[in-house]
N, C-alpha and C. Protein backbone atom coordinates (compact mmCIF):
# COMPACT_ATOMS: atom_id res chain seq x y z
N UNK A 1 10.78 -21.30 -24.16
CA UNK A 1 9.70 -21.44 -23.05
C UNK A 1 9.56 -22.04 -22.54
N UNK A 2 9.82 -23.36 -22.44
CA UNK A 2 9.80 -24.42 -21.75
C UNK A 2 10.77 -24.43 -20.58
N UNK A 3 12.14 -23.82 -21.29
CA UNK A 3 13.20 -23.55 -20.24
C UNK A 3 12.70 -22.73 -18.93
N UNK A 4 12.14 -21.80 -19.75
CA UNK A 4 11.72 -20.57 -18.77
C UNK A 4 10.61 -21.22 -17.42
N UNK A 5 9.75 -22.15 -17.80
CA UNK A 5 8.80 -22.71 -17.27
C UNK A 5 9.63 -23.65 -16.06
N UNK A 6 10.45 -24.58 -16.59
CA UNK A 6 11.16 -25.30 -15.78
C UNK A 6 12.06 -24.91 -14.76
N UNK A 7 12.42 -23.60 -15.53
CA UNK A 7 13.60 -22.67 -14.37
C UNK A 7 12.73 -22.04 -13.30
N UNK A 8 11.60 -21.67 -13.41
CA UNK A 8 10.63 -20.98 -12.37
C UNK A 8 10.31 -21.91 -11.47
N UNK A 9 9.72 -23.26 -11.61
CA UNK A 9 9.48 -24.19 -10.96
C UNK A 9 10.51 -24.79 -9.97
N UNK A 10 11.71 -24.97 -11.02
CA UNK A 10 12.72 -25.06 -9.56
C UNK A 10 13.24 -24.29 -8.95
N UNK A 11 13.16 -22.80 -9.46
CA UNK A 11 13.49 -21.66 -8.53
C UNK A 11 12.26 -21.62 -7.38
N UNK A 12 10.66 -21.70 -7.61
CA UNK A 12 9.94 -21.40 -6.70
C UNK A 12 10.14 -22.77 -5.44
N UNK A 13 9.88 -24.31 -6.12
CA UNK A 13 9.91 -25.18 -5.12
C UNK A 13 11.28 -25.50 -4.35
N UNK A 14 12.87 -25.82 -5.17
CA UNK A 14 13.78 -25.81 -4.52
C UNK A 14 14.44 -24.58 -4.43
N UNK A 15 14.45 -23.62 -4.95
CA UNK A 15 14.78 -22.20 -4.20
C UNK A 15 14.28 -21.64 -3.31
N UNK A 16 13.06 -21.75 -2.92
CA UNK A 16 12.32 -21.16 -1.91
C UNK A 16 11.64 -21.78 -1.00
N UNK A 17 10.58 -22.95 -1.80
CA UNK A 17 9.91 -23.58 -0.76
C UNK A 17 10.88 -25.04 0.29
N UNK A 18 11.53 -25.29 -0.32
CA UNK A 18 12.46 -26.34 0.33
C UNK A 18 13.37 -25.29 1.30
N UNK A 19 13.91 -24.50 0.91
CA UNK A 19 15.12 -24.07 1.98
C UNK A 19 13.91 -23.13 3.11
N UNK A 20 12.77 -22.68 2.91
CA UNK A 20 11.63 -22.02 3.97
C UNK A 20 10.99 -23.22 4.87
N UNK A 21 11.08 -24.22 4.73
CA UNK A 21 10.84 -25.22 5.16
C UNK A 21 11.86 -25.72 6.52
N UNK A 22 13.09 -25.77 6.08
CA UNK A 22 14.18 -26.12 6.69
C UNK A 22 14.46 -25.11 7.37
N UNK A 23 14.33 -24.24 7.00
CA UNK A 23 14.65 -22.43 7.90
C UNK A 23 13.25 -22.73 8.82
N UNK A 24 12.21 -23.39 9.01
CA UNK A 24 11.24 -23.14 9.83
C UNK A 24 11.93 -24.79 10.95
N UNK A 25 12.57 -25.48 10.09
CA UNK A 25 12.75 -26.47 11.19
C UNK A 25 14.33 -26.18 12.31
N UNK A 26 14.60 -25.22 11.56
CA UNK A 26 16.24 -24.64 12.33
C UNK A 26 15.60 -23.89 13.50
N UNK A 27 14.83 -22.95 12.94
CA UNK A 27 14.32 -22.49 14.25
C UNK A 27 13.39 -23.09 14.93
N UNK A 28 12.74 -23.84 14.77
CA UNK A 28 12.13 -24.94 15.79
C UNK A 28 12.90 -25.66 16.63
N UNK A 29 13.99 -26.27 16.28
CA UNK A 29 14.98 -26.81 16.62
C UNK A 29 15.86 -25.96 17.55
N UNK A 30 15.93 -24.77 17.31
CA UNK A 30 16.95 -23.80 18.06
C UNK A 30 18.39 -24.10 17.82
N UNK A 31 18.84 -24.86 16.54
CA UNK A 31 20.18 -25.25 16.49
C UNK A 31 20.68 -24.08 15.44
N UNK A 32 21.66 -23.50 16.36
CA UNK A 32 22.16 -22.36 16.02
C UNK A 32 22.94 -22.56 14.89
N UNK A 33 23.64 -23.87 14.32
CA UNK A 33 24.53 -23.64 12.96
C UNK A 33 23.72 -24.16 11.88
N UNK A 34 22.55 -25.09 12.15
CA UNK A 34 21.54 -24.60 10.96
C UNK A 34 20.99 -23.20 10.46
N UNK A 35 20.56 -22.57 11.98
CA UNK A 35 19.95 -21.18 11.87
C UNK A 35 20.85 -20.39 10.75
N UNK A 36 22.19 -20.40 11.20
CA UNK A 36 23.14 -19.48 10.63
C UNK A 36 23.18 -19.97 9.35
N UNK A 37 23.40 -21.19 9.13
CA UNK A 37 23.23 -21.81 7.51
C UNK A 37 22.45 -21.05 6.47
N UNK A 38 21.14 -21.53 7.14
CA UNK A 38 20.02 -20.94 6.45
C UNK A 38 19.90 -19.42 6.24
N UNK A 39 20.47 -18.62 7.41
CA UNK A 39 20.38 -17.29 7.08
C UNK A 39 21.46 -16.68 5.97
N UNK A 40 22.31 -17.51 5.92
CA UNK A 40 23.18 -17.14 4.86
C UNK A 40 22.68 -17.42 3.36
N UNK A 41 22.34 -18.52 3.59
CA UNK A 41 21.32 -19.04 2.24
C UNK A 41 20.30 -17.84 1.57
N UNK A 42 19.65 -17.38 2.69
CA UNK A 42 18.38 -16.44 2.19
C UNK A 42 19.19 -14.88 1.88
N UNK A 43 20.26 -14.84 2.54
CA UNK A 43 20.75 -13.38 1.83
C UNK A 43 21.24 -13.57 0.83
N UNK A 44 22.02 -14.85 0.32
CA UNK A 44 22.40 -14.94 -0.75
C UNK A 44 21.54 -15.16 -2.16
N UNK A 45 20.57 -15.71 -1.59
CA UNK A 45 18.82 -16.03 -2.42
C UNK A 45 18.61 -14.61 -2.66
N UNK A 46 18.31 -13.44 -1.75
CA UNK A 46 17.87 -12.31 -1.87
C UNK A 46 18.66 -11.57 -3.03
N UNK A 47 19.95 -11.50 -2.87
CA UNK A 47 20.66 -10.98 -3.86
C UNK A 47 20.72 -11.82 -5.58
N UNK A 48 20.58 -13.12 -5.17
CA UNK A 48 19.86 -13.70 -6.63
C UNK A 48 18.63 -13.46 -7.16
N UNK A 49 17.73 -13.08 -6.47
CA UNK A 49 16.42 -12.90 -7.04
C UNK A 49 16.53 -11.34 -7.68
N UNK A 50 17.03 -10.52 -6.49
CA UNK A 50 17.55 -8.97 -7.20
C UNK A 50 18.22 -9.11 -8.71
N UNK A 51 19.06 -9.89 -8.65
CA UNK A 51 20.07 -9.75 -9.85
C UNK A 51 18.95 -10.22 -11.23
N UNK A 52 18.65 -11.41 -10.69
CA UNK A 52 17.63 -12.22 -11.58
C UNK A 52 16.54 -11.28 -12.29
N UNK A 53 15.87 -10.51 -11.50
CA UNK A 53 15.18 -9.40 -12.38
C UNK A 53 15.79 -8.95 -13.42
N UNK A 54 16.73 -8.30 -13.32
CA UNK A 54 17.86 -7.73 -14.31
C UNK A 54 17.91 -8.72 -15.58
N UNK A 55 18.53 -9.48 -14.69
CA UNK A 55 19.39 -10.67 -16.03
C UNK A 55 17.90 -11.15 -17.32
N UNK A 56 17.21 -11.20 -16.16
CA UNK A 56 15.85 -11.98 -16.70
C UNK A 56 15.54 -10.84 -18.47
N UNK A 57 15.71 -9.71 -17.98
CA UNK A 57 15.56 -9.01 -19.19
C UNK A 57 16.37 -8.84 -20.34
N UNK A 58 17.65 -8.77 -19.92
CA UNK A 58 18.66 -8.52 -20.41
C UNK A 58 19.55 -9.47 -21.17
N UNK A 59 19.57 -10.95 -20.40
CA UNK A 59 20.38 -11.91 -20.92
C UNK A 59 19.16 -13.37 -21.52
N UNK A 60 18.16 -13.04 -21.26
CA UNK A 60 17.41 -14.47 -21.53
C UNK A 60 17.46 -14.87 -22.66
N UNK A 61 18.23 -14.17 -24.00
CA UNK A 61 18.43 -14.74 -25.05
C UNK A 61 19.60 -15.55 -24.93
N UNK A 62 20.67 -15.37 -23.95
CA UNK A 62 21.94 -16.36 -24.01
C UNK A 62 21.51 -17.65 -24.20
N UNK A 63 21.93 -18.40 -24.80
CA UNK A 63 22.04 -19.82 -24.58
C UNK A 63 22.28 -20.64 -23.17
N UNK A 64 21.36 -21.18 -22.92
CA UNK A 64 21.30 -21.90 -21.83
C UNK A 64 21.41 -21.29 -20.65
N UNK A 65 20.84 -19.93 -20.75
CA UNK A 65 20.88 -18.87 -19.69
C UNK A 65 19.67 -19.55 -18.26
N UNK A 66 18.62 -20.16 -18.76
CA UNK A 66 17.70 -21.08 -17.82
C UNK A 66 18.36 -22.01 -17.17
N UNK A 67 18.93 -22.92 -17.88
CA UNK A 67 19.74 -24.07 -17.26
C UNK A 67 20.68 -23.69 -16.30
N UNK A 68 21.23 -22.35 -16.54
CA UNK A 68 22.64 -21.87 -15.83
C UNK A 68 21.70 -21.32 -14.60
N UNK A 69 20.59 -21.06 -14.62
CA UNK A 69 19.90 -20.52 -13.52
C UNK A 69 19.63 -21.88 -12.42
N UNK A 70 19.01 -22.90 -13.18
CA UNK A 70 18.81 -24.26 -12.29
C UNK A 70 20.40 -24.56 -11.76
N UNK A 71 21.02 -24.83 -12.20
CA UNK A 71 22.47 -25.18 -11.89
C UNK A 71 22.83 -24.39 -10.73
N UNK A 72 22.87 -22.88 -10.87
CA UNK A 72 23.22 -22.24 -9.55
C UNK A 72 22.47 -22.34 -8.31
N UNK A 73 21.23 -22.21 -8.84
CA UNK A 73 20.25 -22.71 -7.29
C UNK A 73 20.45 -24.05 -6.43
N UNK A 74 20.81 -24.87 -7.55
CA UNK A 74 21.29 -26.47 -6.96
C UNK A 74 22.42 -26.46 -6.54
N UNK A 75 23.61 -25.44 -6.99
CA UNK A 75 25.02 -25.10 -6.30
C UNK A 75 24.63 -24.52 -5.05
N UNK A 76 23.88 -23.68 -5.18
CA UNK A 76 23.52 -22.70 -3.49
C UNK A 76 23.05 -24.05 -2.67
N UNK A 77 22.05 -24.78 -2.83
CA UNK A 77 21.42 -25.49 -1.95
C UNK A 77 22.76 -26.76 -1.32
N UNK A 78 23.30 -27.40 -2.26
CA UNK A 78 24.14 -28.08 -2.30
C UNK A 78 24.80 -28.53 -1.20
N UNK A 79 24.35 -29.48 -0.02
CA UNK A 79 25.31 -29.60 0.98
C UNK A 79 26.56 -29.91 0.77
N UNK A 80 26.97 -30.41 -0.23
CA UNK A 80 28.60 -30.75 -0.93
C UNK A 80 29.26 -29.36 -1.12
N UNK A 81 28.77 -28.72 -2.05
CA UNK A 81 29.31 -27.31 -2.23
C UNK A 81 29.37 -26.44 -1.84
N UNK A 82 28.10 -26.36 -0.54
CA UNK A 82 28.09 -25.40 0.30
C UNK A 82 28.04 -24.16 -0.54
N UNK A 83 27.65 -23.56 -2.16
CA UNK A 83 27.41 -22.29 -2.37
C UNK A 83 27.14 -21.26 -1.58
N UNK A 84 26.08 -21.45 -1.06
CA UNK A 84 25.53 -20.30 -0.45
C UNK A 84 26.52 -19.87 0.96
N UNK A 85 27.09 -20.78 1.20
CA UNK A 85 28.24 -20.60 2.86
C UNK A 85 28.90 -19.94 2.30
N UNK A 86 29.58 -20.62 0.78
CA UNK A 86 30.90 -19.84 0.47
C UNK A 86 30.95 -18.37 -0.13
N UNK A 87 29.83 -18.20 -1.00
CA UNK A 87 29.50 -16.70 -1.54
C UNK A 87 29.36 -16.00 -0.31
N UNK A 88 28.86 -16.38 0.53
CA UNK A 88 28.64 -15.26 1.74
C UNK A 88 30.14 -14.93 2.48
N UNK A 89 30.66 -16.26 2.56
CA UNK A 89 31.64 -15.47 3.31
C UNK A 89 33.00 -14.91 2.75
N UNK A 90 33.24 -15.47 1.32
CA UNK A 90 33.98 -14.79 0.46
C UNK A 90 33.31 -13.38 0.01
N UNK A 91 32.22 -13.36 -0.29
CA UNK A 91 31.83 -11.64 -0.68
C UNK A 91 31.26 -11.09 -0.07
N UNK A 92 30.17 -11.48 0.18
CA UNK A 92 29.01 -10.63 0.65
C UNK A 92 29.27 -10.22 2.13
N UNK A 93 30.03 -10.94 3.26
CA UNK A 93 29.96 -10.81 4.42
C UNK A 93 31.31 -9.18 4.53
N UNK A 94 32.53 -9.64 3.75
CA UNK A 94 33.44 -8.67 3.73
C UNK A 94 32.89 -7.51 2.85
N UNK A 95 32.31 -7.71 2.07
CA UNK A 95 31.61 -6.24 1.62
C UNK A 95 30.46 -5.31 2.27
N UNK A 96 29.58 -5.98 3.14
CA UNK A 96 28.99 -5.55 3.87
C UNK A 96 29.30 -5.02 5.01
N UNK A 97 30.36 -5.82 5.63
CA UNK A 97 30.62 -5.19 6.95
C UNK A 97 32.09 -4.24 6.56
N UNK A 98 32.25 -3.82 5.43
CA UNK A 98 33.36 -2.42 4.99
C UNK A 98 32.34 -1.35 4.81
N UNK A 99 30.96 -1.61 4.22
CA UNK A 99 30.32 -0.55 3.95
C UNK A 99 29.06 -0.44 4.89
N UNK A 100 29.10 -1.02 6.01
CA UNK A 100 27.65 -1.01 6.94
C UNK A 100 27.35 0.28 7.29
N UNK A 101 28.46 0.82 7.78
CA UNK A 101 27.92 2.70 8.40
C UNK A 101 27.28 3.33 7.27
N UNK A 102 28.31 3.10 6.04
CA UNK A 102 27.73 4.11 4.87
C UNK A 102 25.94 3.25 4.59
N UNK A 103 25.85 1.88 4.51
CA UNK A 103 24.38 1.46 4.40
C UNK A 103 23.55 1.93 5.11
N UNK A 104 23.77 1.78 6.83
CA UNK A 104 23.04 2.73 7.31
C UNK A 104 22.65 3.63 7.56
N UNK A 105 23.71 4.59 7.27
CA UNK A 105 23.12 6.30 6.89
C UNK A 105 22.11 6.17 5.82
N UNK A 106 22.59 5.59 4.71
CA UNK A 106 21.44 5.64 3.73
C UNK A 106 20.05 5.08 3.97
N UNK A 107 20.19 4.36 4.52
CA UNK A 107 18.91 3.78 5.17
C UNK A 107 18.25 4.57 5.89
N UNK A 108 19.10 5.26 7.01
CA UNK A 108 18.16 6.51 7.66
C UNK A 108 17.92 7.64 6.86
N UNK A 109 18.67 7.71 5.87
CA UNK A 109 18.54 9.17 5.04
C UNK A 109 16.94 9.10 4.37
N UNK A 110 17.31 7.65 3.57
CA UNK A 110 15.77 7.28 2.71
C UNK A 110 14.36 7.11 3.59
N UNK A 111 14.93 6.69 4.98
CA UNK A 111 13.61 6.77 5.52
C UNK A 111 12.92 7.63 5.72
N UNK A 112 13.82 8.61 6.56
CA UNK A 112 13.39 10.12 6.64
C UNK A 112 13.04 11.12 5.46
N UNK A 113 13.57 10.73 4.38
CA UNK A 113 12.89 11.51 3.06
C UNK A 113 11.74 11.04 2.54
N UNK A 114 11.64 9.59 2.70
CA UNK A 114 10.36 9.00 2.70
C UNK A 114 9.13 9.62 3.09
N UNK A 115 9.38 9.32 4.59
CA UNK A 115 8.34 10.27 5.29
C UNK A 115 7.90 11.53 5.34
N UNK A 116 9.18 12.15 4.89
CA UNK A 116 8.55 13.61 4.44
C UNK A 116 7.93 13.87 3.28
N UNK A 117 8.61 13.41 2.34
CA UNK A 117 7.70 12.90 0.88
C UNK A 117 6.33 12.34 1.09
N UNK A 118 6.09 11.61 2.10
CA UNK A 118 4.85 11.03 1.94
C UNK A 118 3.93 11.80 2.82
N UNK A 119 4.34 12.75 3.92
CA UNK A 119 3.59 13.76 4.35
C UNK A 119 3.33 14.71 3.50
N UNK A 120 4.38 15.49 2.38
CA UNK A 120 4.19 16.50 1.80
C UNK A 120 2.96 15.59 0.62
N UNK A 121 3.16 15.17 -0.20
CA UNK A 121 2.41 14.50 -1.25
C UNK A 121 0.91 14.06 -0.21
N UNK A 122 0.83 13.79 0.92
CA UNK A 122 -0.96 13.04 1.53
C UNK A 122 -0.99 14.52 1.61
N UNK A 123 -0.42 15.93 2.12
CA UNK A 123 -1.09 17.20 2.14
C UNK A 123 -1.33 17.52 1.01
N UNK A 124 -0.91 17.19 0.20
CA UNK A 124 -1.32 17.93 -1.56
C UNK A 124 -2.40 17.05 -1.87
N UNK A 125 -2.29 16.10 -1.83
CA UNK A 125 -3.58 15.13 -2.25
C UNK A 125 -4.56 15.35 -1.65
N UNK A 126 -4.60 15.64 -0.20
CA UNK A 126 -6.00 15.94 0.49
C UNK A 126 -6.47 17.21 0.20
N UNK A 127 -5.65 18.51 -0.08
CA UNK A 127 -5.92 19.53 -0.49
C UNK A 127 -6.50 19.40 -1.64
N UNK A 128 -5.63 18.69 -2.74
CA UNK A 128 -6.60 18.73 -4.21
C UNK A 128 -8.17 17.99 -4.10
N UNK A 129 -8.15 16.67 -3.29
CA UNK A 129 -9.58 16.30 -2.96
C UNK A 129 -10.45 17.38 -2.17
N UNK A 130 -9.82 18.16 -1.28
CA UNK A 130 -10.85 18.84 -0.57
C UNK A 130 -11.39 19.88 -1.87
N UNK A 131 -10.53 20.63 -2.41
CA UNK A 131 -10.79 21.72 -3.54
C UNK A 131 -11.97 20.99 -4.71
N UNK A 132 -11.43 19.60 -4.73
CA UNK A 132 -12.38 19.14 -5.62
C UNK A 132 -13.64 18.51 -5.17
N UNK A 133 -13.88 18.44 -3.78
CA UNK A 133 -15.07 18.24 -3.40
C UNK A 133 -15.55 19.39 -3.19
N UNK A 134 -15.13 20.66 -2.82
CA UNK A 134 -16.25 21.80 -2.80
C UNK A 134 -16.66 22.24 -4.14
N UNK A 135 -15.74 22.09 -5.30
CA UNK A 135 -16.03 22.70 -6.67
C UNK A 135 -17.03 21.66 -6.66
N UNK A 136 -17.12 20.77 -6.70
CA UNK A 136 -18.09 19.93 -6.88
C UNK A 136 -19.14 20.26 -6.08
N UNK A 137 -19.34 20.65 -5.16
CA UNK A 137 -20.30 20.85 -3.87
C UNK A 137 -21.14 22.00 -4.61
N UNK A 138 -20.01 23.01 -5.08
CA UNK A 138 -20.93 24.53 -5.70
C UNK A 138 -21.58 24.26 -6.76
N UNK A 139 -21.03 23.51 -7.82
CA UNK A 139 -21.42 23.04 -9.06
C UNK A 139 -22.83 22.97 -9.01
N UNK A 140 -22.41 21.66 -8.20
CA UNK A 140 -23.74 20.72 -8.05
C UNK A 140 -24.97 21.50 -7.43
N UNK A 141 -24.69 22.23 -6.53
CA UNK A 141 -25.85 23.18 -5.66
C UNK A 141 -26.16 23.74 -6.45
N UNK A 142 -25.57 24.51 -7.30
CA UNK A 142 -26.25 25.81 -8.76
C UNK A 142 -27.15 25.11 -9.51
N UNK A 143 -26.61 24.02 -9.93
CA UNK A 143 -27.18 23.16 -10.88
C UNK A 143 -28.61 22.24 -10.31
N UNK A 144 -28.32 21.96 -9.42
CA UNK A 144 -29.41 21.76 -8.46
C UNK A 144 -30.89 22.58 -8.43
N UNK A 145 -30.22 23.60 -7.88
CA UNK A 145 -31.28 24.81 -8.17
C UNK A 145 -31.82 25.07 -9.14
N UNK A 146 -31.14 25.25 -10.19
CA UNK A 146 -31.92 25.50 -11.34
C UNK A 146 -32.55 24.90 -11.69
N UNK A 147 -32.49 23.69 -11.72
CA UNK A 147 -33.28 22.69 -11.91
C UNK A 147 -34.30 22.66 -11.31
N UNK A 148 -34.75 22.70 -10.05
CA UNK A 148 -35.60 22.74 -9.13
C UNK A 148 -36.60 23.89 -9.22
N UNK A 149 -35.65 24.93 -9.85
CA UNK A 149 -36.41 26.17 -10.18
C UNK A 149 -37.19 26.02 -11.51
N UNK A 150 -36.60 25.30 -12.59
CA UNK A 150 -37.34 24.92 -13.59
C UNK A 150 -38.58 24.16 -13.20
N UNK A 151 -38.66 23.11 -12.49
CA UNK A 151 -39.59 22.17 -11.88
C UNK A 151 -40.41 23.11 -11.68
N UNK A 152 -40.20 23.87 -10.77
CA UNK A 152 -41.19 24.59 -9.70
C UNK A 152 -42.23 25.56 -10.79
N UNK A 153 -41.53 26.19 -11.43
CA UNK A 153 -42.44 27.34 -12.55
C UNK A 153 -42.77 26.57 -13.50
N UNK A 154 -42.48 25.20 -13.77
CA UNK A 154 -43.30 24.59 -14.80
C UNK A 154 -44.49 24.18 -14.23
N UNK A 155 -44.27 23.69 -12.83
CA UNK A 155 -45.12 23.12 -12.17
C UNK A 155 -46.57 24.19 -11.95
N UNK A 156 -45.88 25.24 -11.57
CA UNK A 156 -47.29 26.45 -11.21
C UNK A 156 -48.01 26.49 -12.37
N UNK A 157 -47.31 26.96 -13.53
CA UNK A 157 -47.97 27.11 -14.93
C UNK A 157 -48.73 25.85 -15.09
N UNK A 158 -48.78 25.06 -15.19
CA UNK A 158 -49.56 23.64 -15.33
C UNK A 158 -50.71 23.64 -14.20
N UNK A 159 -50.44 24.22 -12.97
CA UNK A 159 -51.64 24.21 -11.95
C UNK A 159 -52.37 25.58 -12.31
N UNK A 160 -51.94 26.47 -12.82
CA UNK A 160 -53.04 27.27 -13.50
C UNK A 160 -53.93 27.31 -14.65
N UNK A 161 -53.26 26.29 -15.36
CA UNK A 161 -53.95 26.03 -16.07
C UNK A 161 -53.42 26.91 -17.67
N UNK A 162 -52.84 27.66 -17.39
CA UNK A 162 -51.98 28.43 -18.53
C UNK A 162 -50.82 28.07 -18.78
N UNK A 163 -50.45 27.20 -19.45
CA UNK A 163 -49.25 26.54 -19.71
C UNK A 163 -48.88 27.35 -21.05
N UNK A 164 -49.35 28.17 -21.71
CA UNK A 164 -48.80 28.56 -22.91
C UNK A 164 -48.05 29.94 -22.64
N UNK A 165 -48.81 30.34 -21.41
CA UNK A 165 -47.86 31.73 -20.76
C UNK A 165 -46.92 31.43 -20.08
N UNK A 166 -45.72 32.00 -20.16
CA UNK A 166 -44.87 31.74 -19.10
C UNK A 166 -45.55 32.75 -17.62
N UNK A 167 -45.20 31.83 -16.85
CA UNK A 167 -45.41 32.31 -15.11
C UNK A 167 -43.73 33.83 -14.93
N UNK A 168 -44.08 34.73 -14.28
CA UNK A 168 -43.49 35.62 -14.10
C UNK A 168 -42.55 35.12 -12.84
N UNK A 169 -41.10 35.42 -12.86
CA UNK A 169 -40.73 35.03 -11.35
C UNK A 169 -41.22 35.70 -10.29
N UNK A 170 -41.33 35.01 -9.30
CA UNK A 170 -41.64 35.58 -8.18
C UNK A 170 -40.40 36.89 -7.65
N UNK A 171 -41.58 37.68 -7.16
CA UNK A 171 -40.81 38.94 -6.80
C UNK A 171 -40.89 38.99 -4.82
N UNK A 172 -39.36 39.07 -4.51
CA UNK A 172 -39.09 39.21 -3.29
C UNK A 172 -39.37 40.50 -2.67
N UNK A 173 -39.47 40.70 -1.59
CA UNK A 173 -39.66 42.16 -1.01
C UNK A 173 -38.60 42.04 0.10
N UNK A 174 -37.67 42.96 0.27
CA UNK A 174 -37.06 43.34 1.29
C UNK A 174 -37.65 44.55 2.09
N UNK A 175 -37.32 44.17 3.13
CA UNK A 175 -37.60 45.38 4.18
C UNK A 175 -36.28 45.79 4.90
N UNK A 176 -36.78 47.19 4.98
CA UNK A 176 -35.19 47.94 5.81
C UNK A 176 -35.18 47.46 7.29
N UNK A 177 -34.54 47.31 7.96
CA UNK A 177 -34.22 47.08 9.72
C UNK A 177 -34.31 48.59 9.94
N UNK A 178 -34.46 49.66 9.50
CA UNK A 178 -34.25 50.63 10.19
C UNK A 178 -35.53 51.27 10.71
N UNK A 179 -36.98 51.01 10.01
CA UNK A 179 -38.20 51.58 10.22
C UNK A 179 -38.17 50.97 11.13
N UNK A 180 -39.10 51.79 12.00
CA UNK A 180 -39.54 51.29 13.23
C UNK A 180 -40.87 51.20 13.23
N UNK A 181 -41.78 52.21 12.53
CA UNK A 181 -43.12 51.74 12.19
C UNK A 181 -43.52 51.18 10.74
N UNK A 182 -44.62 50.02 11.12
CA UNK A 182 -44.85 49.66 9.41
C UNK A 182 -45.35 50.72 9.17
N UNK A 183 -45.33 50.77 7.54
CA UNK A 183 -45.92 51.53 6.71
C UNK A 183 -47.71 50.91 6.34
N UNK A 184 -48.55 51.90 6.43
CA UNK A 184 -49.36 51.65 6.05
C UNK A 184 -50.02 51.67 4.68
N UNK A 185 -50.29 50.93 4.17
CA UNK A 185 -50.79 50.98 2.51
C UNK A 185 -51.93 51.16 2.06
N UNK A 186 -52.38 52.16 1.39
CA UNK A 186 -53.52 52.64 1.01
C UNK A 186 -54.02 51.49 -0.24
N UNK A 187 -55.12 51.34 -0.48
CA UNK A 187 -55.57 50.57 -1.49
C UNK A 187 -55.87 51.09 -3.03
N UNK A 188 -55.83 50.83 -3.67
CA UNK A 188 -56.01 51.25 -5.05
C UNK A 188 -57.19 52.04 -5.14
N UNK A 189 -58.23 51.73 -4.33
CA UNK A 189 -59.75 52.44 -4.73
C UNK A 189 -59.82 53.65 -3.53
N UNK A 190 -59.06 53.68 -2.50
CA UNK A 190 -58.99 54.84 -1.73
C UNK A 190 -58.29 55.87 -2.35
N UNK A 191 -57.46 55.47 -2.96
CA UNK A 191 -56.11 56.34 -3.88
C UNK A 191 -56.72 57.46 -4.98
N UNK A 192 -57.84 56.39 -5.58
CA UNK A 192 -58.39 57.15 -6.57
C UNK A 192 -59.30 57.71 -6.18
N UNK A 193 -59.88 57.42 -5.02
CA UNK A 193 -61.42 58.10 -4.85
C UNK A 193 -60.78 59.44 -4.16
N UNK A 194 -59.50 59.24 -3.53
CA UNK A 194 -59.08 60.90 -2.58
C UNK A 194 -58.97 61.62 -4.11
N UNK A 195 -58.21 60.99 -4.72
CA UNK A 195 -57.75 62.18 -5.86
C UNK A 195 -58.96 62.42 -6.91
N UNK A 196 -60.07 61.55 -6.80
CA UNK A 196 -60.87 62.14 -7.72
C UNK A 196 -61.72 63.29 -6.84
N UNK A 197 -62.03 63.43 -5.75
CA UNK A 197 -62.63 64.20 -4.73
C UNK A 197 -61.80 65.51 -4.86
N UNK A 198 -61.16 65.36 -5.17
CA UNK A 198 -60.14 66.69 -5.03
C UNK A 198 -59.91 67.65 -6.17
């Protein structure tokens, strides 16, 4: 555990912060030689960080694993060994030069596929969200109207003072739009009076 903490500190301080500061100075001074030196370092360090992600999972049990990582970072940075320049010139540059066209093609295809996938899943996500919103609104509206109806019926029965007998639901009368003349309705007394006289 102590070795892990020390190796993390060394990688962060000497593997990242120290080179970052000297990269800043190289850019500021516009010294091409220093600029190229630190660019080669960052390429090697990116590969080291990628490899470290997997080796930390599978090789952390190896004796002196963390001490070897510290030694590797020191070797990369040392102006005497020039480890990052050596690795870049012997391995990375020839490999990337020979595979550059294939890598560029893969990156373009990955970019296109990722954009298409993003658009596809974005549309599906919006459709799901819209469907969920419509369903929630329709269910919520029905539940709300039922709740309001039950409250209004209860309020009507308490206003009448007859809370023991339920209030019948209100009757709605629909009129046909084909009727040109309104019908006159006879009162109950008129209809009984006319039937009694006949």
